[in-house]
């Protein structure tokens, strides 16, 4: 299973911003950011889209998922 919290934290730290700054940018509380990064709760899909848009990445990249081409899945 993917460690979503670690992926969320890694994206934020790579951007060089605090939880408070991120929370203001996407319209949520810094407590929510802390809960997401601590794997206590997952953000709903709307906030995942906001996060991905803010970072300029895909949803797969946001959660730390490597892309697996469908052709490779079919062969396994």
C-alpha atoms as a PDB file:
ATOM      1  CA  UNK A   1       0.000   0.000   0.000  1.00  0.00           C
ATOM      2  CA  UNK A   2       1.190   3.478  -0.780  1.00  0.00           C
ATOM      3  CA  UNK A   3       2.152   5.868   2.020  1.00  0.00           C
ATOM      4  CA  UNK A   4      -0.047   8.770   0.978  1.00  0.00           C
ATOM      5  CA  UNK A   5       0.969  10.972   3.878  1.00  0.00           C
ATOM      6  CA  UNK A   6       4.628  10.677   3.002  1.00  0.00           C
ATOM      7  CA  UNK A   7       3.855  11.482  -0.639  1.00  0.00           C
ATOM      8  CA  UNK A   8       1.789  14.536   0.367  1.00  0.00           C
ATOM      9  CA  UNK A   9       4.522  15.761   2.720  1.00  0.00           C
ATOM     10  CA  UNK A  10       7.223  15.178   0.115  1.00  0.00           C
ATOM     11  CA  UNK A  11       5.402  17.292  -2.468  1.00  0.00           C
ATOM     12  CA  UNK A  12       4.868  20.114   0.023  1.00  0.00           C
ATOM     13  CA  UNK A  13       8.469  20.073   1.218  1.00  0.00           C
ATOM     14  CA  UNK A  14       9.758  19.979  -2.371  1.00  0.00           C
ATOM     15  CA  UNK A  15       7.761  23.164  -2.969  1.00  0.00           C
ATOM     16  CA  UNK A  16       9.343  24.669   0.168  1.00  0.00           C
ATOM     17  CA  UNK A  17       6.130  25.732   1.876  1.00  0.00           C
ATOM     18  CA  UNK A  18       4.643  25.212   5.320  1.00  0.00           C
ATOM     19  CA  UNK A  19       1.440  23.365   6.103  1.00  0.00           C
ATOM     20  CA  UNK A  20      -0.145  26.716   6.971  1.00  0.00           C
ATOM     21  CA  UNK A  21       0.838  28.275   3.652  1.00  0.00           C
ATOM     22  CA  UNK A  22      -0.456  25.252   1.721  1.00  0.00           C
ATOM     23  CA  UNK A  23      -3.719  25.296   3.631  1.00  0.00           C
ATOM     24  CA  UNK A  24      -4.303  28.934   2.650  1.00  0.00           C
ATOM     25  CA  UNK A  25      -3.493  28.184  -0.997  1.00  0.00           C
ATOM     26  CA  UNK A  26      -6.001  25.326  -1.333  1.00  0.00           C
ATOM     27  CA  UNK A  27      -8.687  26.540   1.087  1.00  0.00           C
ATOM     28  CA  UNK A  28      -8.523  24.180   4.045  1.00  0.00           C
ATOM     29  CA  UNK A  29      -7.124  24.217   7.572  1.00  0.00           C
ATOM     30  CA  UNK A  30      -3.515  23.456   8.427  1.00  0.00           C
ATOM     31  CA  UNK A  31      -4.923  20.803  10.772  1.00  0.00           C
ATOM     32  CA  UNK A  32      -6.303  18.988   7.725  1.00  0.00           C
ATOM     33  CA  UNK A  33      -2.910  19.126   6.026  1.00  0.00           C
ATOM     34  CA  UNK A  34      -1.369  17.684   9.197  1.00  0.00           C
ATOM     35  CA  UNK A  35      -3.935  14.864   9.316  1.00  0.00           C
ATOM     36  CA  UNK A  36      -3.355  14.020   5.649  1.00  0.00           C
ATOM     37  CA  UNK A  37       0.414  13.966   6.030  1.00  0.00           C
ATOM     38  CA  UNK A  38       0.115  11.924   9.225  1.00  0.00           C
ATOM     39  CA  UNK A  39      -2.031   9.274   7.489  1.00  0.00           C
ATOM     40  CA  UNK A  40      -4.880   9.926   9.909  1.00  0.00           C
ATOM     41  CA  UNK A  41      -7.380  10.721   7.157  1.00  0.00           C
ATOM     42  CA  UNK A  42      -7.309  11.014   3.383  1.00  0.00           C
ATOM     43  CA  UNK A  43      -8.399  14.181   1.609  1.00  0.00           C
ATOM     44  CA  UNK A  44     -11.503  13.905  -0.523  1.00  0.00           C
ATOM     45  CA  UNK A  45     -11.067  13.830  -4.276  1.00  0.00           C
ATOM     46  CA  UNK A  46     -11.780  17.557  -4.601  1.00  0.00           C
ATOM     47  CA  UNK A  47      -8.818  18.401  -2.381  1.00  0.00           C
ATOM     48  CA  UNK A  48      -6.638  15.842  -4.176  1.00  0.00           C
ATOM     49  CA  UNK A  49      -7.387  17.657  -7.431  1.00  0.00           C
ATOM     50  CA  UNK A  50      -6.626  21.015  -5.779  1.00  0.00           C
ATOM     51  CA  UNK A  51      -3.327  19.670  -4.459  1.00  0.00           C
ATOM     52  CA  UNK A  52      -2.318  18.185  -7.805  1.00  0.00           C
ATOM     53  CA  UNK A  53      -3.222  21.408  -9.610  1.00  0.00           C
ATOM     54  CA  UNK A  54      -1.329  23.495  -7.061  1.00  0.00           C
ATOM     55  CA  UNK A  55       1.802  21.380  -7.518  1.00  0.00           C
ATOM     56  CA  UNK A  56       1.322  21.049 -11.292  1.00  0.00           C
ATOM     57  CA  UNK A  57       1.372  17.247 -11.167  1.00  0.00           C
ATOM     58  CA  UNK A  58      -0.966  14.324 -11.874  1.00  0.00           C
ATOM     59  CA  UNK A  59      -3.038  12.614  -9.210  1.00  0.00           C
ATOM     60  CA  UNK A  60      -0.793   9.548  -9.598  1.00  0.00           C
ATOM     61  CA  UNK A  61       2.266  11.667  -8.836  1.00  0.00           C
ATOM     62  CA  UNK A  62       0.474  13.294  -5.906  1.00  0.00           C
ATOM     63  CA  UNK A  63       0.005   9.981  -4.136  1.00  0.00           C
ATOM     64  CA  UNK A  64       3.425   8.628  -5.074  1.00  0.00           C
ATOM     65  CA  UNK A  65       2.103   6.043  -7.511  1.00  0.00           C
ATOM     66  CA  UNK A  66       4.333   4.980 -10.353  1.00  0.00           C
ATOM     67  CA  UNK A  67       2.579   4.702 -13.676  1.00  0.00           C
ATOM     68  CA  UNK A  68       2.273   1.143 -14.962  1.00  0.00           C
ATOM     69  CA  UNK A  69       1.357   0.938 -18.666  1.00  0.00           C
ATOM     70  CA  UNK A  70      -1.718  -1.213 -19.322  1.00  0.00           C
ATOM     71  CA  UNK A  71       0.288  -3.406 -21.728  1.00  0.00           C
ATOM     72  CA  UNK A  72       2.570  -4.457 -18.878  1.00  0.00           C
ATOM     73  CA  UNK A  73      -0.410  -5.289 -16.640  1.00  0.00           C
ATOM     74  CA  UNK A  74      -1.947  -7.459 -19.355  1.00  0.00           C
ATOM     75  CA  UNK A  75       1.258  -9.521 -19.671  1.00  0.00           C
ATOM     76  CA  UNK A  76       1.379 -10.306 -15.946  1.00  0.00           C
END
